[in-house]
Protein backbone atom coordinates (compact mmCIF):
# COMPACT_ATOMS: atom_id res chain seq x y z
CA UNK A 1 -109.60 62.49 -43.59
CA UNK A 2 -112.85 64.09 -42.97
CA UNK A 3 -113.81 67.82 -44.30
CA UNK A 4 -115.10 67.50 -40.41
CA UNK A 5 -111.42 67.61 -39.36
CA UNK A 6 -111.21 71.16 -37.09
CA UNK A 7 -114.23 69.17 -34.54
CA UNK A 8 -111.79 66.49 -33.64
CA UNK A 9 -108.84 66.21 -31.11
CA UNK A 10 -105.26 66.72 -32.67
CA UNK A 11 -101.82 67.10 -30.92
CA UNK A 12 -98.41 67.95 -31.75
CA UNK A 13 -95.24 66.16 -30.91
CA UNK A 14 -91.87 65.42 -32.32
CA UNK A 15 -91.89 63.62 -35.37
CA UNK A 16 -89.58 60.29 -34.91
CA UNK A 17 -88.04 58.25 -38.05
CA UNK A 18 -91.09 55.88 -37.61
CA UNK A 19 -93.28 58.64 -38.66
CA UNK A 20 -91.01 59.55 -41.81
CA UNK A 21 -92.92 57.36 -44.11
CA UNK A 22 -96.64 59.08 -43.10
CA UNK A 23 -94.95 62.22 -43.13
CA UNK A 24 -93.26 61.54 -46.78
CA UNK A 25 -97.38 60.89 -47.98
CA UNK A 26 -98.44 64.03 -46.64
CA UNK A 27 -95.72 65.83 -48.38
CA UNK A 28 -96.48 63.88 -51.63
CA UNK A 29 -100.40 64.79 -51.70
CA UNK A 30 -99.01 68.65 -51.61
CA UNK A 31 -96.21 69.36 -53.53
CA UNK A 32 -95.61 68.16 -57.08
CA UNK A 33 -91.68 68.43 -56.41
CA UNK A 34 -91.78 66.66 -52.36
CA UNK A 35 -89.19 66.49 -50.28
CA UNK A 36 -87.63 63.25 -50.27
CA UNK A 37 -88.07 60.55 -46.66
CA UNK A 38 -84.55 60.83 -46.67
CA UNK A 39 -84.03 64.76 -46.77
CA UNK A 40 -87.06 64.17 -43.80
CA UNK A 41 -84.52 61.51 -42.02
CA UNK A 42 -81.72 64.04 -42.25
CA UNK A 43 -83.41 66.44 -40.55
CA UNK A 44 -84.25 64.50 -37.85
CA UNK A 45 -80.81 63.25 -37.65
CA UNK A 46 -78.89 66.94 -37.56
CA UNK A 47 -81.09 68.41 -35.25
CA UNK A 48 -83.73 70.28 -36.39
CA UNK A 49 -87.13 71.12 -34.67
CA UNK A 50 -89.37 69.00 -36.34
CA UNK A 51 -92.99 68.16 -35.40
CA UNK A 52 -96.09 66.34 -36.00
CA UNK A 53 -99.63 67.27 -35.77
CA UNK A 54 -101.81 64.45 -35.43
CA UNK A 55 -105.86 64.05 -35.40
CA UNK A 56 -106.85 62.17 -34.17
CA UNK A 57 -104.03 59.32 -35.02
CA UNK A 58 -103.18 60.36 -38.64
CA UNK A 59 -100.62 62.92 -39.05
CA UNK A 60 -102.01 65.65 -41.28
CA UNK A 61 -99.49 68.01 -41.38
CA UNK A 62 -95.70 68.86 -39.90
CA UNK A 63 -93.37 71.77 -39.89
CA UNK A 64 -89.42 71.36 -39.46
CA UNK A 65 -87.69 74.31 -38.46
CA UNK A 66 -83.93 74.92 -37.46
CA UNK A 67 -82.79 77.68 -34.91
CA UNK A 68 -78.89 78.88 -34.37
CA UNK A 69 -78.00 81.66 -33.57
CA UNK A 70 -80.57 83.63 -32.43
CA UNK A 71 -82.66 82.72 -35.77
CA UNK A 72 -85.28 80.18 -36.41
CA UNK A 73 -86.09 79.43 -40.28
CA UNK A 74 -88.82 77.01 -40.90
CA UNK A 75 -87.72 74.91 -44.04
CA UNK A 76 -91.19 73.35 -44.55
CA UNK A 77 -94.59 73.91 -43.34
CA UNK A 78 -97.29 71.37 -45.15
CA UNK A 79 -100.48 70.44 -44.55
CA UNK A 80 -102.74 67.95 -46.33
CA UNK A 81 -103.90 69.32 -49.13
CA UNK A 82 -107.79 67.40 -47.70
CA UNK A 83 -106.96 69.03 -44.68
CA UNK A 84 -106.16 72.34 -45.49
CA UNK A 85 -108.50 75.44 -44.75
CA UNK A 86 -108.75 74.36 -40.99
CA UNK A 87 -106.37 76.52 -39.43
CA UNK A 88 -103.93 73.69 -39.03
CA UNK A 89 -101.57 75.66 -40.80
CA UNK A 90 -101.69 78.12 -38.56
CA UNK A 91 -101.48 75.76 -35.74
CA UNK A 92 -98.36 74.52 -37.18
CA UNK A 93 -96.83 77.73 -37.59
CA UNK A 94 -96.92 79.02 -33.80
CA UNK A 95 -96.06 76.01 -32.65
CA UNK A 96 -92.84 76.02 -34.77
CA UNK A 97 -92.39 80.32 -33.24
CA UNK A 98 -93.31 79.21 -29.75
CA UNK A 99 -90.26 76.71 -29.88
CA UNK A 100 -88.14 79.22 -31.97
CA UNK A 101 -88.89 81.64 -28.82
CA UNK A 102 -88.12 79.51 -26.22
CA UNK A 103 -84.69 78.64 -27.63
CA UNK A 104 -83.89 82.47 -27.84
CA UNK A 105 -84.74 82.85 -31.67
CA UNK A 106 -85.45 86.62 -32.00
CA UNK A 107 -86.43 86.70 -35.22
CA UNK A 108 -88.13 84.00 -37.84
CA UNK A 109 -87.74 83.54 -41.54
CA UNK A 110 -88.99 81.43 -44.21
CA UNK A 111 -89.54 81.52 -48.30
CA UNK A 112 -92.85 80.64 -49.98
CA UNK A 113 -93.93 80.24 -53.28
CA UNK A 114 -94.49 83.44 -54.83
CA UNK A 115 -97.22 81.61 -56.33
CA UNK A 116 -98.90 80.41 -53.02
CA UNK A 117 -101.01 82.98 -52.51
CA UNK A 118 -103.35 81.19 -49.12
CA UNK A 119 -99.37 80.26 -47.15
CA UNK A 120 -98.29 84.00 -48.46
CA UNK A 121 -101.52 85.75 -46.76
CA UNK A 122 -101.43 83.39 -43.91
CA UNK A 123 -98.05 84.74 -42.95
CA UNK A 124 -98.68 88.01 -43.04
CA UNK A 125 -101.38 87.47 -40.96
CA UNK A 126 -99.10 86.51 -38.36
CA UNK A 127 -96.77 89.07 -38.51
CA UNK A 128 -93.91 87.73 -41.18
CA UNK A 129 -93.39 90.89 -43.95
CA UNK A 130 -91.58 90.48 -46.94
CA UNK A 131 -87.68 91.01 -47.03
CA UNK A 132 -86.25 89.50 -50.53
CA UNK A 133 -86.41 87.36 -52.96
CA UNK A 134 -85.07 83.70 -54.48
CA UNK A 135 -85.12 83.74 -57.94
CA UNK A 136 -85.84 80.37 -59.39
CA UNK A 137 -85.27 78.59 -55.83
CA UNK A 138 -88.52 76.39 -56.62
CA UNK A 139 -89.02 73.94 -59.93
CA UNK A 140 -91.78 74.10 -62.04
CA UNK A 141 -92.97 71.65 -64.27
CA UNK A 142 -91.21 74.02 -67.00
CA UNK A 143 -88.77 76.33 -65.48
CA UNK A 144 -88.08 77.30 -62.44
CA UNK A 145 -90.34 79.82 -59.70
CA UNK A 146 -89.37 82.58 -57.24
CA UNK A 147 -89.81 82.30 -53.66
CA UNK A 148 -90.65 85.10 -51.60
CA UNK A 149 -88.81 85.51 -48.96
CA UNK A 150 -90.41 86.50 -45.32
CA UNK A 151 -89.48 87.26 -42.00
CA UNK A 152 -90.68 88.38 -38.88
CA UNK A 153 -90.15 89.55 -35.00
CA UNK A 154 -90.04 87.08 -32.41
CA UNK A 155 -89.38 89.55 -29.60
CA UNK A 156 -92.53 91.57 -30.50
CA UNK A 157 -94.29 88.25 -28.37
CA UNK A 158 -91.64 88.68 -25.87
CA UNK A 159 -92.89 92.02 -25.01
CA UNK A 160 -96.78 91.84 -25.51
CA UNK A 161 -95.88 88.46 -23.13
CA UNK A 162 -96.67 85.68 -25.37
CA UNK A 163 -95.12 83.23 -23.48
CA UNK A 164 -93.85 79.62 -25.44
CA UNK A 165 -96.03 76.73 -24.14
CA UNK A 166 -95.63 76.01 -20.21
CA UNK A 167 -93.86 72.74 -21.32
CA UNK A 168 -92.67 71.78 -24.82
CA UNK A 169 -91.83 67.37 -25.04
CA UNK A 170 -88.39 66.96 -25.66
CA UNK A 171 -87.38 66.01 -29.39
CA UNK A 172 -85.54 63.36 -29.96
CA UNK A 173 -82.00 63.37 -30.49
């Protein structure tokens, strides 16, 4: 991956089983305590909304979200460290929110490490507000770290006539 990734064409598509090894490599590059291939496979199996961002042929990021009962919960949003700070996290976040709106969710939730200032700043810029904490949610080399719970309304987007993309690709079942 090069520093000029933002100049390349990118595409979103639903995550497929065949993508899991590549997604897991990105996960391992980004986190000291990564999700396993089994977790990603389980997310696909139970029907979570799983998307990959491809630039031009490489998976550089992904998002995993559950949608139910009028809410969407972003479970994982990751960009490869070499592709960070180029707008890809924002693109993935906006795609996930569009998917949530298209499935009639009116609120989006997520957890983020308390120490992850850049992610928290991105979420705040995209309309998320802190609503609480989950004590000891994330593992550390020694001890645990709190998660900050963040939420935002998707109704505002509807009121402002922000529509989801015309057609979202169907996700595999």
